[in-house]
Amino acid sequence: MKLTVFAISLLTFTAGLALAAGDAAAGKAVYDKSCKSCHGADGTANANIAKMMKVEMKNLGSAEVQGLSDADLSKVVTEGKGKMKPIKTVAGKDVDNIVAYVRSLKK
C-alpha cells in the first residue's frame, strides 16, 4: 500500500513538472519578436550587433549556454547579463517558453 501511494505521489509530482515546463513552439514566437534581432533565427549571434556592442555573443545552442540551468537562462532574460539589458516585454509564462525554445537549439 505504501509503495502504491509513493508511486502515485511520484507520478503526480512528475506530471506537475511537465506542466511547469515551457512550450518551445510558443517560445519561438516570443523569441522571434523579442530576441532574434540580436541572437539570430537559429541562436547564432548577429555579428553586426556583437561588433557594435563590442561583445562576444554565445551561440545559444552551444554547450556553454545549454549547460546553464533553466533558472539561469530565465534570469538572463528577465535581468539581463553584461551589456544585454533585461527584456521587459517578456514575463511570466513567456520566459519559460523562451527557455524551452532555447533548449531546442541544442547542437
C-alpha atoms as a PDB file:
ATOM      1  CA  MET A   1       0.000   0.000   0.000  1.00  0.00           C
ATOM      2  CA  LYS A   2       2.781   2.446   0.914  1.00  0.00           C
ATOM      3  CA  LEU A   3       4.529   1.712  -2.386  1.00  0.00           C
ATOM      4  CA  THR A   4       1.339   2.479  -4.315  1.00  0.00           C
ATOM      5  CA  VAL A   5       0.875   5.795  -2.516  1.00  0.00           C
ATOM      6  CA  PHE A   6       4.526   6.650  -3.160  1.00  0.00           C
ATOM      7  CA  ALA A   7       4.199   5.758  -6.875  1.00  0.00           C
ATOM      8  CA  ILE A   8       1.063   7.891  -7.254  1.00  0.00           C
ATOM      9  CA  SER A   9       2.753  10.793  -5.473  1.00  0.00           C
ATOM     10  CA  LEU A  10       5.791  10.493  -7.715  1.00  0.00           C
ATOM     11  CA  LEU A  11       3.649  10.427 -10.865  1.00  0.00           C
ATOM     12  CA  THR A  12       1.688  13.464  -9.701  1.00  0.00           C
ATOM     13  CA  PHE A  13       4.906  15.344  -8.943  1.00  0.00           C
ATOM     14  CA  THR A  14       6.423  14.411 -12.325  1.00  0.00           C
ATOM     15  CA  ALA A  15       3.274  15.492 -14.158  1.00  0.00           C
ATOM     16  CA  GLY A  16       3.423  18.829 -12.341  1.00  0.00           C
ATOM     17  CA  LEU A  17       6.989  19.323 -13.510  1.00  0.00           C
ATOM     18  CA  ALA A  18       5.994  18.614 -17.098  1.00  0.00           C
ATOM     19  CA  LEU A  19       3.227  21.204 -16.860  1.00  0.00           C
ATOM     20  CA  ALA A  20       5.676  23.751 -15.461  1.00  0.00           C
ATOM     21  CA  ALA A  21       7.986  23.383 -18.455  1.00  0.00           C
ATOM     22  CA  GLY A  22       7.647  25.877 -21.254  1.00  0.00           C
ATOM     23  CA  ASP A  23       6.279  25.358 -24.739  1.00  0.00           C
ATOM     24  CA  ALA A  24       9.065  25.577 -27.342  1.00  0.00           C
ATOM     25  CA  ALA A  25       6.671  26.427 -30.197  1.00  0.00           C
ATOM     26  CA  ALA A  26       5.166  29.314 -28.229  1.00  0.00           C
ATOM     27  CA  GLY A  27       8.695  30.272 -27.169  1.00  0.00           C
ATOM     28  CA  LYS A  28       9.818  30.525 -30.802  1.00  0.00           C
ATOM     29  CA  ALA A  29       7.113  33.116 -31.484  1.00  0.00           C
ATOM     30  CA  VAL A  30       8.219  35.208 -28.488  1.00  0.00           C
ATOM     31  CA  TYR A  31      11.905  34.677 -29.363  1.00  0.00           C
ATOM     32  CA  ASP A  32      11.293  35.812 -32.946  1.00  0.00           C
ATOM     33  CA  LYS A  33       9.700  39.025 -31.692  1.00  0.00           C
ATOM     34  CA  SER A  34      11.998  39.823 -28.754  1.00  0.00           C
ATOM     35  CA  CYS A  35      15.353  38.063 -29.223  1.00  0.00           C
ATOM     36  CA  LYS A  36      16.003  37.177 -32.865  1.00  0.00           C
ATOM     37  CA  SER A  37      17.312  40.587 -33.933  1.00  0.00           C
ATOM     38  CA  CYS A  38      20.391  40.132 -31.724  1.00  0.00           C
ATOM     39  CA  HIS A  39      20.617  36.365 -31.263  1.00  0.00           C
ATOM     40  CA  GLY A  40      19.697  35.302 -34.806  1.00  0.00           C
ATOM     41  CA  ALA A  41      16.970  32.976 -36.027  1.00  0.00           C
ATOM     42  CA  ASP A  42      18.925  29.851 -35.062  1.00  0.00           C
ATOM     43  CA  GLY A  43      20.619  31.178 -31.919  1.00  0.00           C
ATOM     44  CA  THR A  44      23.778  32.237 -33.755  1.00  0.00           C
ATOM     45  CA  ALA A  45      24.599  35.809 -32.776  1.00  0.00           C
ATOM     46  CA  ASN A  46      24.069  38.693 -35.161  1.00  0.00           C
ATOM     47  CA  ALA A  47      27.708  39.558 -35.905  1.00  0.00           C
ATOM     48  CA  ASN A  48      26.933  43.219 -36.598  1.00  0.00           C
ATOM     49  CA  ILE A  49      25.225  43.670 -33.221  1.00  0.00           C
ATOM     50  CA  ALA A  50      28.060  41.876 -31.408  1.00  0.00           C
ATOM     51  CA  LYS A  51      30.638  44.072 -33.150  1.00  0.00           C
ATOM     52  CA  MET A  52      28.696  47.260 -32.443  1.00  0.00           C
ATOM     53  CA  MET A  53      28.345  46.357 -28.747  1.00  0.00           C
ATOM     54  CA  LYS A  54      31.955  45.098 -28.604  1.00  0.00           C
ATOM     55  CA  VAL A  55      30.918  41.794 -27.044  1.00  0.00           C
ATOM     56  CA  GLU A  56      31.230  38.119 -27.795  1.00  0.00           C
ATOM     57  CA  MET A  57      27.734  36.704 -28.006  1.00  0.00           C
ATOM     58  CA  LYS A  58      27.494  32.986 -27.333  1.00  0.00           C
ATOM     59  CA  ASN A  59      25.701  30.661 -29.710  1.00  0.00           C
ATOM     60  CA  LEU A  60      22.530  29.735 -27.834  1.00  0.00           C
ATOM     61  CA  GLY A  61      22.874  26.122 -28.947  1.00  0.00           C
ATOM     62  CA  SER A  62      26.412  25.819 -27.598  1.00  0.00           C
ATOM     63  CA  ALA A  63      27.349  23.505 -24.746  1.00  0.00           C
ATOM     64  CA  GLU A  64      28.197  26.547 -22.617  1.00  0.00           C
ATOM     65  CA  VAL A  65      24.731  28.084 -22.907  1.00  0.00           C
ATOM     66  CA  GLN A  66      22.926  24.739 -22.825  1.00  0.00           C
ATOM     67  CA  GLY A  67      24.836  23.913 -19.631  1.00  0.00           C
ATOM     68  CA  LEU A  68      23.090  26.745 -17.791  1.00  0.00           C
ATOM     69  CA  SER A  69      20.116  25.855 -15.642  1.00  0.00           C
ATOM     70  CA  ASP A  70      16.628  26.917 -16.688  1.00  0.00           C
ATOM     71  CA  ALA A  71      16.668  29.339 -13.759  1.00  0.00           C
ATOM     72  CA  ASP A  72      19.908  30.892 -15.018  1.00  0.00           C
ATOM     73  CA  LEU A  73      18.521  31.284 -18.545  1.00  0.00           C
ATOM     74  CA  SER A  74      15.340  32.829 -17.136  1.00  0.00           C
ATOM     75  CA  LYS A  75      17.437  35.254 -15.111  1.00  0.00           C
ATOM     76  CA  VAL A  76      19.351  36.372 -18.215  1.00  0.00           C
ATOM     77  CA  VAL A  77      16.059  37.111 -19.985  1.00  0.00           C
ATOM     78  CA  THR A  78      14.478  38.940 -17.053  1.00  0.00           C
ATOM     79  CA  GLU A  79      17.534  40.666 -15.538  1.00  0.00           C
ATOM     80  CA  GLY A  80      19.996  40.856 -18.437  1.00  0.00           C
ATOM     81  CA  LYS A  81      23.665  39.966 -18.389  1.00  0.00           C
ATOM     82  CA  GLY A  82      26.706  42.066 -19.190  1.00  0.00           C
ATOM     83  CA  LYS A  83      25.668  44.582 -21.830  1.00  0.00           C
ATOM     84  CA  MET A  84      22.408  42.757 -22.501  1.00  0.00           C
ATOM     85  CA  LYS A  85      19.535  44.637 -20.936  1.00  0.00           C
ATOM     86  CA  PRO A  86      16.561  42.842 -19.375  1.00  0.00           C
ATOM     87  CA  ILE A  87      13.805  42.060 -21.867  1.00  0.00           C
ATOM     88  CA  LYS A  88      10.988  43.906 -20.115  1.00  0.00           C
ATOM     89  CA  THR A  89       8.381  42.883 -22.692  1.00  0.00           C
ATOM     90  CA  VAL A  90       8.846  39.210 -21.766  1.00  0.00           C
ATOM     91  CA  ALA A  91       7.447  37.960 -18.470  1.00  0.00           C
ATOM     92  CA  GLY A  92       5.636  35.072 -16.834  1.00  0.00           C
ATOM     93  CA  LYS A  93       4.990  32.001 -18.972  1.00  0.00           C
ATOM     94  CA  ASP A  94       6.722  33.647 -21.957  1.00  0.00           C
ATOM     95  CA  VAL A  95      10.038  33.374 -20.102  1.00  0.00           C
ATOM     96  CA  ASP A  96       9.514  29.625 -19.622  1.00  0.00           C
ATOM     97  CA  ASN A  97       8.568  29.322 -23.278  1.00  0.00           C
ATOM     98  CA  ILE A  98      11.724  31.117 -24.435  1.00  0.00           C
ATOM     99  CA  VAL A  99      13.836  28.837 -22.236  1.00  0.00           C
ATOM    100  CA  ALA A 100      12.121  25.812 -23.815  1.00  0.00           C
ATOM    101  CA  TYR A 101      12.836  27.222 -27.276  1.00  0.00           C
ATOM    102  CA  VAL A 102      16.493  27.886 -26.419  1.00  0.00           C
ATOM    103  CA  ARG A 103      16.746  24.270 -25.233  1.00  0.00           C
ATOM    104  CA  SER A 104      15.517  23.180 -28.681  1.00  0.00           C
ATOM    105  CA  LEU A 105      18.549  24.901 -30.256  1.00  0.00           C
ATOM    106  CA  LYS A 106      20.962  22.450 -28.598  1.00  0.00           C
ATOM    107  CA  LYS A 107      23.682  21.319 -31.007  1.00  0.00           C
END
